[in-house]
Amino acid sequence: MTRSSVEIVSANGEYLVRVTEDDNTCEVAFSNEEFARSYAAGQSIRLNLSNDCDEMSD
């Protein structure tokens, strides 16, 4: 069983939300941190993860 995860990465002035599910990883870029956090929270709920999202990485 593959572990699903959601993380936010800050890179080059953008916030990337990285969603991993079933060995597939998708990244969605946001210029606004709050939008990124909201999207990440929604993905965490969709994936039924216990925490909202992993801490933001630099």
PDB file of N, CA and C in Angstrom:
ATOM      1  N   MET A   1       0.845  -1.186   0.000  1.00  0.00           N
ATOM      2  CA  MET A   1       0.000   0.000   0.000  1.00  0.00           C
ATOM      3  C   MET A   1       0.887   1.245   0.000  1.00  0.00           C
ATOM      4  N   THR A   2       0.586   2.151  -0.875  1.00  0.00           N
ATOM      5  CA  THR A   2       1.364   3.374  -0.991  1.00  0.00           C
ATOM      6  C   THR A   2       0.814   4.431  -0.048  1.00  0.00           C
ATOM      7  N   ARG A   3       1.706   5.152   0.566  1.00  0.00           N
ATOM      8  CA  ARG A   3       1.307   6.223   1.473  1.00  0.00           C
ATOM      9  C   ARG A   3       0.922   7.452   0.662  1.00  0.00           C
ATOM     10  N   SER A   4      -0.229   8.012   0.940  1.00  0.00           N
ATOM     11  CA  SER A   4      -0.643   9.272   0.331  1.00  0.00           C
ATOM     12  C   SER A   4      -0.104  10.409   1.186  1.00  0.00           C
ATOM     13  N   SER A   5       0.190  11.535   0.542  1.00  0.00           N
ATOM     14  CA  SER A   5       0.688  12.676   1.299  1.00  0.00           C
ATOM     15  C   SER A   5       0.357  13.968   0.574  1.00  0.00           C
ATOM     16  N   VAL A   6       0.354  15.035   1.361  1.00  0.00           N
ATOM     17  CA  VAL A   6       0.162  16.390   0.838  1.00  0.00           C
ATOM     18  C   VAL A   6       1.201  17.261   1.516  1.00  0.00           C
ATOM     19  N   GLU A   7       1.951  18.003   0.732  1.00  0.00           N
ATOM     20  CA  GLU A   7       2.931  18.922   1.313  1.00  0.00           C
ATOM     21  C   GLU A   7       2.962  20.214   0.523  1.00  0.00           C
ATOM     22  N   ILE A   8       3.392  21.268   1.201  1.00  0.00           N
ATOM     23  CA  ILE A   8       3.541  22.577   0.575  1.00  0.00           C
ATOM     24  C   ILE A   8       5.022  22.900   0.544  1.00  0.00           C
ATOM     25  N   VAL A   9       5.501  23.288  -0.633  1.00  0.00           N
ATOM     26  CA  VAL A   9       6.903  23.628  -0.812  1.00  0.00           C
ATOM     27  C   VAL A   9       6.980  25.066  -1.310  1.00  0.00           C
ATOM     28  N   SER A  10       7.789  25.875  -0.658  1.00  0.00           N
ATOM     29  CA  SER A  10       8.004  27.254  -1.082  1.00  0.00           C
ATOM     30  C   SER A  10       9.227  27.278  -1.993  1.00  0.00           C
ATOM     31  N   ALA A  11       9.034  27.765  -3.230  1.00  0.00           N
ATOM     32  CA  ALA A  11      10.139  27.790  -4.188  1.00  0.00           C
ATOM     33  C   ALA A  11       9.973  28.944  -5.159  1.00  0.00           C
ATOM     34  N   ASN A  12      11.008  29.758  -5.282  1.00  0.00           N
ATOM     35  CA  ASN A  12      11.031  30.850  -6.266  1.00  0.00           C
ATOM     36  C   ASN A  12       9.821  31.770  -6.184  1.00  0.00           C
ATOM     37  N   GLY A  13       9.397  32.090  -4.971  1.00  0.00           N
ATOM     38  CA  GLY A  13       8.281  33.010  -4.790  1.00  0.00           C
ATOM     39  C   GLY A  13       6.916  32.389  -5.012  1.00  0.00           C
ATOM     40  N   GLU A  14       6.871  31.081  -5.229  1.00  0.00           N
ATOM     41  CA  GLU A  14       5.605  30.384  -5.416  1.00  0.00           C
ATOM     42  C   GLU A  14       5.454  29.341  -4.314  1.00  0.00           C
ATOM     43  N   TYR A  15       4.246  28.875  -4.166  1.00  0.00           N
ATOM     44  CA  TYR A  15       3.943  27.820  -3.209  1.00  0.00           C
ATOM     45  C   TYR A  15       3.424  26.629  -4.006  1.00  0.00           C
ATOM     46  N   LEU A  16       4.166  25.538  -3.959  1.00  0.00           N
ATOM     47  CA  LEU A  16       3.781  24.332  -4.668  1.00  0.00           C
ATOM     48  C   LEU A  16       3.114  23.376  -3.699  1.00  0.00           C
ATOM     49  N   VAL A  17       1.938  22.914  -4.073  1.00  0.00           N
ATOM     50  CA  VAL A  17       1.274  21.879  -3.292  1.00  0.00           C
ATOM     51  C   VAL A  17       1.543  20.570  -4.019  1.00  0.00           C
ATOM     52  N   ARG A  18       2.211  19.665  -3.325  1.00  0.00           N
ATOM     53  CA  ARG A  18       2.592  18.373  -3.891  1.00  0.00           C
ATOM     54  C   ARG A  18       1.687  17.306  -3.275  1.00  0.00           C
ATOM     55  N   VAL A  19       0.884  16.675  -4.135  1.00  0.00           N
ATOM     56  CA  VAL A  19      -0.054  15.647  -3.700  1.00  0.00           C
ATOM     57  C   VAL A  19       0.416  14.309  -4.261  1.00  0.00           C
ATOM     58  N   THR A  20       0.657  13.336  -3.382  1.00  0.00           N
ATOM     59  CA  THR A  20       1.068  12.002  -3.789  1.00  0.00           C
ATOM     60  C   THR A  20      -0.037  11.029  -3.438  1.00  0.00           C
ATOM     61  N   GLU A  21      -0.438  10.239  -4.445  1.00  0.00           N
ATOM     62  CA  GLU A  21      -1.516   9.263  -4.273  1.00  0.00           C
ATOM     63  C   GLU A  21      -1.295   8.124  -5.259  1.00  0.00           C
ATOM     64  N   ASP A  22      -1.299   6.907  -4.774  1.00  0.00           N
ATOM     65  CA  ASP A  22      -1.143   5.730  -5.639  1.00  0.00           C
ATOM     66  C   ASP A  22       0.071   5.829  -6.564  1.00  0.00           C
ATOM     67  N   ASP A  23       1.215   6.155  -6.009  1.00  0.00           N
ATOM     68  CA  ASP A  23       2.470   6.267  -6.766  1.00  0.00           C
ATOM     69  C   ASP A  23       2.476   7.377  -7.809  1.00  0.00           C
ATOM     70  N   ASN A  24       1.503   8.250  -7.790  1.00  0.00           N
ATOM     71  CA  ASN A  24       1.457   9.407  -8.691  1.00  0.00           C
ATOM     72  C   ASN A  24       1.604  10.676  -7.872  1.00  0.00           C
ATOM     73  N   THR A  25       2.428  11.595  -8.372  1.00  0.00           N
ATOM     74  CA  THR A  25       2.613  12.880  -7.702  1.00  0.00           C
ATOM     75  C   THR A  25       2.205  13.998  -8.640  1.00  0.00           C
ATOM     76  N   CYS A  26       1.426  14.917  -8.106  1.00  0.00           N
ATOM     77  CA  CYS A  26       0.964  16.078  -8.861  1.00  0.00           C
ATOM     78  C   CYS A  26       1.366  17.325  -8.088  1.00  0.00           C
ATOM     79  N   GLU A  27       1.854  18.333  -8.784  1.00  0.00           N
ATOM     80  CA  GLU A  27       2.185  19.615  -8.153  1.00  0.00           C
ATOM     81  C   GLU A  27       1.323  20.709  -8.752  1.00  0.00           C
ATOM     82  N   VAL A  28       0.763  21.530  -7.875  1.00  0.00           N
ATOM     83  CA  VAL A  28      -0.044  22.683  -8.300  1.00  0.00           C
ATOM     84  C   VAL A  28       0.604  23.924  -7.701  1.00  0.00           C
ATOM     85  N   ALA A  29       0.895  24.917  -8.552  1.00  0.00           N
ATOM     86  CA  ALA A  29       1.583  26.134  -8.109  1.00  0.00           C
ATOM     87  C   ALA A  29       0.585  27.244  -7.787  1.00  0.00           C
ATOM     88  N   PHE A  30       0.868  27.963  -6.706  1.00  0.00           N
ATOM     89  CA  PHE A  30       0.060  29.105  -6.288  1.00  0.00           C
ATOM     90  C   PHE A  30       0.995  30.268  -5.989  1.00  0.00           C
ATOM     91  N   SER A  31       0.568  31.474  -6.290  1.00  0.00           N
ATOM     92  CA  SER A  31       1.357  32.655  -5.936  1.00  0.00           C
ATOM     93  C   SER A  31       0.977  33.167  -4.551  1.00  0.00           C
ATOM     94  N   ASN A  32      -0.155  32.701  -4.040  1.00  0.00           N
ATOM     95  CA  ASN A  32      -0.669  33.130  -2.743  1.00  0.00           C
ATOM     96  C   ASN A  32      -0.593  31.972  -1.748  1.00  0.00           C
ATOM     97  N   GLU A  33       0.080  32.177  -0.613  1.00  0.00           N
ATOM     98  CA  GLU A  33       0.258  31.109   0.372  1.00  0.00           C
ATOM     99  C   GLU A  33      -1.064  30.604   0.929  1.00  0.00           C
ATOM    100  N   GLU A  34      -1.999  31.505   1.209  1.00  0.00           N
ATOM    101  CA  GLU A  34      -3.285  31.085   1.769  1.00  0.00           C
ATOM    102  C   GLU A  34      -4.059  30.196   0.799  1.00  0.00           C
ATOM    103  N   PHE A  35      -3.991  30.496  -0.510  1.00  0.00           N
ATOM    104  CA  PHE A  35      -4.655  29.652  -1.505  1.00  0.00           C
ATOM    105  C   PHE A  35      -4.027  28.264  -1.507  1.00  0.00           C
ATOM    106  N   ALA A  36      -2.700  28.226  -1.417  1.00  0.00           N
ATOM    107  CA  ALA A  36      -1.988  26.943  -1.383  1.00  0.00           C
ATOM    108  C   ALA A  36      -2.398  26.138  -0.158  1.00  0.00           C
ATOM    109  N   ARG A  37      -2.457  26.795   0.985  1.00  0.00           N
ATOM    110  CA  ARG A  37      -2.837  26.096   2.217  1.00  0.00           C
ATOM    111  C   ARG A  37      -4.277  25.584   2.146  1.00  0.00           C
ATOM    112  N   SER A  38      -5.164  26.370   1.564  1.00  0.00           N
ATOM    113  CA  SER A  38      -6.552  25.959   1.431  1.00  0.00           C
ATOM    114  C   SER A  38      -6.674  24.744   0.501  1.00  0.00           C
ATOM    115  N   TYR A  39      -5.976  24.784  -0.614  1.00  0.00           N
ATOM    116  CA  TYR A  39      -5.988  23.666  -1.560  1.00  0.00           C
ATOM    117  C   TYR A  39      -5.418  22.411  -0.890  1.00  0.00           C
ATOM    118  N   ALA A  40      -4.309  22.566  -0.181  1.00  0.00           N
ATOM    119  CA  ALA A  40      -3.678  21.438   0.502  1.00  0.00           C
ATOM    120  C   ALA A  40      -4.618  20.834   1.544  1.00  0.00           C
ATOM    121  N   ALA A  41      -5.308  21.677   2.281  1.00  0.00           N
ATOM    122  CA  ALA A  41      -6.255  21.190   3.287  1.00  0.00           C
ATOM    123  C   ALA A  41      -7.378  20.388   2.623  1.00  0.00           C
ATOM    124  N   GLY A  42      -7.877  20.881   1.507  1.00  0.00           N
ATOM    125  CA  GLY A  42      -8.926  20.166   0.778  1.00  0.00           C
ATOM    126  C   GLY A  42      -8.453  18.814   0.268  1.00  0.00           C
ATOM    127  N   GLN A  43      -7.225  18.764  -0.225  1.00  0.00           N
ATOM    128  CA  GLN A  43      -6.672  17.500  -0.706  1.00  0.00           C
ATOM    129  C   GLN A  43      -6.464  16.520   0.447  1.00  0.00           C
ATOM    130  N   SER A  44      -6.060  17.024   1.589  1.00  0.00           N
ATOM    131  CA  SER A  44      -5.886  16.170   2.767  1.00  0.00           C
ATOM    132  C   SER A  44      -7.209  15.552   3.191  1.00  0.00           C
ATOM    133  N   ILE A  45      -8.263  16.341   3.133  1.00  0.00           N
ATOM    134  CA  ILE A  45      -9.597  15.823   3.463  1.00  0.00           C
ATOM    135  C   ILE A  45     -10.007  14.770   2.442  1.00  0.00           C
ATOM    136  N   ARG A  46      -9.793  15.066   1.167  1.00  0.00           N
ATOM    137  CA  ARG A  46     -10.158  14.127   0.095  1.00  0.00           C
ATOM    138  C   ARG A  46      -9.437  12.792   0.258  1.00  0.00           C
ATOM    139  N   LEU A  47      -8.163  12.849   0.653  1.00  0.00           N
ATOM    140  CA  LEU A  47      -7.356  11.641   0.809  1.00  0.00           C
ATOM    141  C   LEU A  47      -7.537  10.996   2.184  1.00  0.00           C
ATOM    142  N   ASN A  48      -8.359  11.618   3.024  1.00  0.00           N
ATOM    143  CA  ASN A  48      -8.650  11.098   4.359  1.00  0.00           C
ATOM    144  C   ASN A  48      -7.379  10.969   5.204  1.00  0.00           C
ATOM    145  N   LEU A  49      -6.525  11.977   5.142  1.00  0.00           N
ATOM    146  CA  LEU A  49      -5.299  11.992   5.934  1.00  0.00           C
ATOM    147  C   LEU A  49      -5.599  12.549   7.317  1.00  0.00           C
ATOM    148  N   SER A  50      -4.869  12.100   8.311  1.00  0.00           N
ATOM    149  CA  SER A  50      -5.147  12.510   9.686  1.00  0.00           C
ATOM    150  C   SER A  50      -4.754  13.951   9.978  1.00  0.00           C
ATOM    151  N   ASN A  51      -3.677  14.448   9.333  1.00  0.00           N
ATOM    152  CA  ASN A  51      -3.284  15.846   9.549  1.00  0.00           C
ATOM    153  C   ASN A  51      -3.648  16.653   8.308  1.00  0.00           C
ATOM    154  N   ASP A  52      -3.759  17.965   8.467  1.00  0.00           N
ATOM    155  CA  ASP A  52      -4.177  18.816   7.350  1.00  0.00           C
ATOM    156  C   ASP A  52      -3.216  18.725   6.175  1.00  0.00           C
ATOM    157  N   CYS A  53      -1.941  18.890   6.461  1.00  0.00           N
ATOM    158  CA  CYS A  53      -0.925  18.747   5.433  1.00  0.00           C
ATOM    159  C   CYS A  53       0.427  18.774   6.125  1.00  0.00           C
ATOM    160  N   ASP A  54       1.401  18.259   5.438  1.00  0.00           N
ATOM    161  CA  ASP A  54       2.755  18.286   5.999  1.00  0.00           C
ATOM    162  C   ASP A  54       3.209  19.728   6.103  1.00  0.00           C
ATOM    163  N   GLU A  55       4.160  19.969   6.986  1.00  0.00           N
ATOM    164  CA  GLU A  55       4.681  21.321   7.160  1.00  0.00           C
ATOM    165  C   GLU A  55       5.299  21.835   5.870  1.00  0.00           C
ATOM    166  N   MET A  56       5.310  23.140   5.714  1.00  0.00           N
ATOM    167  CA  MET A  56       5.865  23.755   4.521  1.00  0.00           C
ATOM    168  C   MET A  56       7.377  23.551   4.497  1.00  0.00           C
ATOM    169  N   SER A  57       7.872  23.146   3.339  1.00  0.00           N
ATOM    170  CA  SER A  57       9.296  22.950   3.133  1.00  0.00           C
ATOM    171  C   SER A  57       9.855  24.109   2.319  1.00  0.00           C
ATOM    172  N   ASP A  58      11.110  24.431   2.565  1.00  0.00           N
ATOM    173  CA  ASP A  58      11.774  25.473   1.762  1.00  0.00           C
ATOM    174  C   ASP A  58      12.586  24.826   0.670  1.00  0.00           C
TER     175      ASP A  58
END
